[in-house]
Protein backbone atom coordinates (compact mmCIF):
# COMPACT_ATOMS: atom_id res chain seq x y z
CA MET A 1 54.06 -58.28 -63.78
CA PRO A 2 50.98 -56.38 -64.98
CA GLU A 3 51.22 -54.43 -68.17
CA ARG A 4 51.15 -50.63 -68.04
CA ASP A 5 47.62 -50.39 -69.45
CA GLU A 6 46.28 -53.03 -67.07
CA LEU A 7 47.90 -51.44 -64.02
CA PHE A 8 46.60 -47.95 -64.70
CA ARG A 9 43.15 -49.13 -65.76
CA LYS A 10 42.79 -50.95 -62.45
CA PHE A 11 44.44 -48.46 -60.07
CA GLY A 12 44.96 -45.30 -62.11
CA PRO A 13 42.73 -42.70 -60.50
CA ILE A 14 43.32 -43.51 -56.85
CA LEU A 15 46.98 -44.45 -57.34
CA LEU A 16 47.70 -41.21 -59.15
CA GLU A 17 45.89 -39.14 -56.55
CA ALA A 18 47.89 -40.75 -53.73
CA VAL A 19 51.20 -40.22 -55.56
CA ILE A 20 50.34 -36.59 -56.26
CA LEU A 21 49.48 -35.97 -52.61
CA VAL A 22 52.73 -37.55 -51.38
CA ILE A 23 54.77 -35.48 -53.83
CA LEU A 24 52.89 -32.31 -52.88
CA GLU A 25 53.55 -32.90 -49.18
CA GLU A 26 57.25 -33.51 -49.78
CA ALA A 27 57.55 -30.50 -52.10
CA ASN A 28 55.94 -28.30 -49.46
CA ARG A 29 58.35 -29.60 -46.77
CA ILE A 30 61.27 -28.60 -48.98
CA ARG A 31 59.67 -25.29 -49.94
CA ASN A 32 59.10 -24.48 -46.25
CA LYS A 33 62.79 -25.07 -45.49
CA LEU A 34 63.68 -22.70 -48.33
CA GLY A 35 61.27 -20.03 -47.10
CA MET A 36 59.00 -20.44 -50.11
CA PRO A 37 55.20 -20.51 -50.00
CA ASN A 38 53.38 -23.84 -50.11
CA LEU A 39 51.86 -25.14 -53.29
CA THR A 40 48.15 -25.90 -53.08
CA LYS A 41 46.33 -28.88 -54.51
CA GLN A 42 44.83 -26.48 -57.06
CA ASP A 43 48.33 -25.34 -58.11
CA VAL A 44 49.25 -28.96 -58.80
CA LEU A 45 45.97 -29.69 -60.61
CA ASP A 46 46.49 -26.64 -62.81
CA GLU A 47 50.02 -27.76 -63.71
CA LEU A 48 48.83 -31.31 -64.41
CA ASN A 49 46.11 -29.98 -66.66
CA ASN A 50 48.69 -27.91 -68.56
CA HIS A 51 50.82 -31.01 -69.20
CA LEU A 52 48.02 -33.39 -70.13
CA SER A 53 47.82 -31.96 -73.64
CA GLU A 54 51.40 -33.15 -74.20
CA LEU A 55 50.71 -36.82 -73.43
CA GLU A 56 49.45 -39.52 -75.76
CA PRO A 57 46.31 -41.33 -74.55
CA TYR A 58 46.46 -45.03 -73.74
CA ASP A 59 44.95 -47.32 -76.37
CA TRP A 60 42.19 -48.39 -73.98
CA MET A 61 41.13 -44.77 -73.45
CA GLU A 62 39.84 -44.63 -77.00
CA GLN A 63 37.86 -47.89 -76.79
CA GLU A 64 34.19 -47.99 -75.91
CA TYR A 65 33.09 -50.39 -73.18
């Protein structure tokens, strides 16, 4: 099984984008059923940006290649 660093280094950007889009679609389905407005991709990106300051970087992010 690949290590966390290896997995995200290899697939990180596109994997994360796909996961975010799936979650956004499902959240909007639920929100529609509750009569709430849809979230936009920009709403999600803004929230992600707000939370990024709380996370520790991976070791490989600080290495120069």
